[in-house]
Amino acid sequence: SRAGNLTRHKRTHSERPYACDVTGSEYMAHTANHLRKYMRAHSGEQPYACDESDCEYRSARANTLKQHKRTHSGERPFPCD
């Protein structure tokens, strides 16, 4: 709902109710999903794998895998000035 979206957005500016429970970490997230993604830094989980043959690249984040795949395709979506 729109009201729920606004509440969620407002939380990004103030509340951070989801805390990392790893000793020594002070990370606080505003959504459970952000905390779950962050926890991959501690666990080493890398669920995103390159599907090119002979490429063993893996990543904890989908957007990093997308950037990596451009090394195979040669795609350069951002022009250089």
C-alpha atoms as a PDB file:
ATOM      1  CA  SER A   1       0.000   0.000   0.000  1.00  0.00           C
ATOM      2  CA  ARG A   2       1.076   3.588  -0.453  1.00  0.00           C
ATOM      3  CA  ALA A   3       0.913   4.201   3.292  1.00  0.00           C
ATOM      4  CA  GLY A   4       3.148   1.175   3.891  1.00  0.00           C
ATOM      5  CA  ASN A   5       5.622   2.400   1.283  1.00  0.00           C
ATOM      6  CA  LEU A   6       5.815   5.809   2.964  1.00  0.00           C
ATOM      7  CA  THR A   7       6.332   4.218   6.366  1.00  0.00           C
ATOM      8  CA  ARG A   8       9.111   2.023   4.963  1.00  0.00           C
ATOM      9  CA  HIS A   9      10.732   5.027   3.290  1.00  0.00           C
ATOM     10  CA  LYS A  10      10.611   7.147   6.448  1.00  0.00           C
ATOM     11  CA  ARG A  11      12.378   4.330   8.301  1.00  0.00           C
ATOM     12  CA  THR A  12      15.404   4.753   6.008  1.00  0.00           C
ATOM     13  CA  HIS A  13      15.959   8.188   7.558  1.00  0.00           C
ATOM     14  CA  SER A  14      15.566   7.271  11.206  1.00  0.00           C
ATOM     15  CA  GLU A  15      14.889   3.721  12.379  1.00  0.00           C
ATOM     16  CA  ARG A  16      17.354   0.894  11.952  1.00  0.00           C
ATOM     17  CA  PRO A  17      15.750  -1.932  13.919  1.00  0.00           C
ATOM     18  CA  TYR A  18      17.670  -4.840  12.373  1.00  0.00           C
ATOM     19  CA  ALA A  19      21.064  -5.385  13.985  1.00  0.00           C
ATOM     20  CA  CYS A  20      23.953  -7.579  12.902  1.00  0.00           C
ATOM     21  CA  ASP A  21      24.592 -10.108  15.668  1.00  0.00           C
ATOM     22  CA  VAL A  22      28.215 -10.821  14.750  1.00  0.00           C
ATOM     23  CA  THR A  23      30.581  -9.864  17.577  1.00  0.00           C
ATOM     24  CA  GLY A  24      32.279  -6.538  16.894  1.00  0.00           C
ATOM     25  CA  SER A  25      29.863  -5.453  14.158  1.00  0.00           C
ATOM     26  CA  GLU A  26      27.822  -2.329  14.708  1.00  0.00           C
ATOM     27  CA  TYR A  27      25.832  -2.597  11.444  1.00  0.00           C
ATOM     28  CA  MET A  28      22.155  -1.699  11.705  1.00  0.00           C
ATOM     29  CA  ALA A  29      19.740  -2.039   8.790  1.00  0.00           C
ATOM     30  CA  HIS A  30      16.368  -0.492   8.146  1.00  0.00           C
ATOM     31  CA  THR A  31      14.944  -3.656   6.519  1.00  0.00           C
ATOM     32  CA  ALA A  32      15.366  -7.346   7.208  1.00  0.00           C
ATOM     33  CA  ASN A  33      16.248  -7.812   3.535  1.00  0.00           C
ATOM     34  CA  HIS A  34      19.172  -5.355   3.772  1.00  0.00           C
ATOM     35  CA  LEU A  35      20.459  -7.165   6.855  1.00  0.00           C
ATOM     36  CA  ARG A  36      20.195 -10.530   5.063  1.00  0.00           C
ATOM     37  CA  LYS A  37      22.247  -9.191   2.132  1.00  0.00           C
ATOM     38  CA  TYR A  38      24.796  -7.645   4.503  1.00  0.00           C
ATOM     39  CA  MET A  39      25.219 -10.916   6.401  1.00  0.00           C
ATOM     40  CA  ARG A  40      26.700 -12.463   3.254  1.00  0.00           C
ATOM     41  CA  ALA A  41      29.822 -10.410   3.990  1.00  0.00           C
ATOM     42  CA  HIS A  42      30.293 -12.457   7.174  1.00  0.00           C
ATOM     43  CA  SER A  43      29.179 -15.837   5.841  1.00  0.00           C
ATOM     44  CA  GLY A  44      30.994 -15.718   2.520  1.00  0.00           C
ATOM     45  CA  GLU A  45      27.819 -16.845   0.735  1.00  0.00           C
ATOM     46  CA  GLN A  46      27.987 -16.066  -2.980  1.00  0.00           C
ATOM     47  CA  PRO A  47      24.724 -17.238  -4.555  1.00  0.00           C
ATOM     48  CA  TYR A  48      25.170 -15.428  -7.882  1.00  0.00           C
ATOM     49  CA  ALA A  49      27.346 -17.326 -10.376  1.00  0.00           C
ATOM     50  CA  CYS A  50      28.510 -16.396 -13.863  1.00  0.00           C
ATOM     51  CA  ASP A  51      26.972 -18.699 -16.458  1.00  0.00           C
ATOM     52  CA  GLU A  52      29.759 -18.328 -19.029  1.00  0.00           C
ATOM     53  CA  SER A  53      31.655 -21.542 -19.705  1.00  0.00           C
ATOM     54  CA  ASP A  54      35.057 -21.727 -17.997  1.00  0.00           C
ATOM     55  CA  CYS A  55      34.240 -18.750 -15.747  1.00  0.00           C
ATOM     56  CA  GLU A  56      34.195 -19.417 -12.018  1.00  0.00           C
ATOM     57  CA  TYR A  57      33.173 -15.904 -10.923  1.00  0.00           C
ATOM     58  CA  ARG A  58      30.681 -15.781  -8.044  1.00  0.00           C
ATOM     59  CA  SER A  59      29.248 -12.839  -6.168  1.00  0.00           C
ATOM     60  CA  ALA A  60      27.264 -12.043  -3.050  1.00  0.00           C
ATOM     61  CA  ARG A  61      25.286  -9.398  -4.945  1.00  0.00           C
ATOM     62  CA  ALA A  62      23.268  -9.617  -8.166  1.00  0.00           C
ATOM     63  CA  ASN A  63      24.338  -6.162  -9.356  1.00  0.00           C
ATOM     64  CA  THR A  64      28.027  -7.090  -9.059  1.00  0.00           C
ATOM     65  CA  LEU A  65      27.425 -10.192 -11.176  1.00  0.00           C
ATOM     66  CA  LYS A  66      25.667  -8.030 -13.766  1.00  0.00           C
ATOM     67  CA  GLN A  67      28.726  -5.755 -13.933  1.00  0.00           C
ATOM     68  CA  HIS A  68      31.006  -8.789 -14.250  1.00  0.00           C
ATOM     69  CA  LYS A  69      29.008 -10.225 -17.147  1.00  0.00           C
ATOM     70  CA  ARG A  70      29.823  -7.093 -19.137  1.00  0.00           C
ATOM     71  CA  THR A  71      33.464  -8.224 -19.198  1.00  0.00           C
ATOM     72  CA  HIS A  72      32.342 -11.153 -21.366  1.00  0.00           C
ATOM     73  CA  SER A  73      29.917  -9.260 -23.587  1.00  0.00           C
ATOM     74  CA  GLY A  74      31.951  -6.087 -24.015  1.00  0.00           C
ATOM     75  CA  GLU A  75      28.855  -4.047 -23.162  1.00  0.00           C
ATOM     76  CA  ARG A  76      29.742  -0.513 -22.054  1.00  0.00           C
ATOM     77  CA  PRO A  77      26.460   1.149 -21.095  1.00  0.00           C
ATOM     78  CA  PHE A  78      28.041   4.331 -19.753  1.00  0.00           C
ATOM     79  CA  PRO A  79      29.844   6.524 -22.292  1.00  0.00           C
ATOM     80  CA  CYS A  80      33.229   8.011 -21.509  1.00  0.00           C
ATOM     81  CA  ASP A  81      33.475  11.780 -21.921  1.00  0.00           C
END
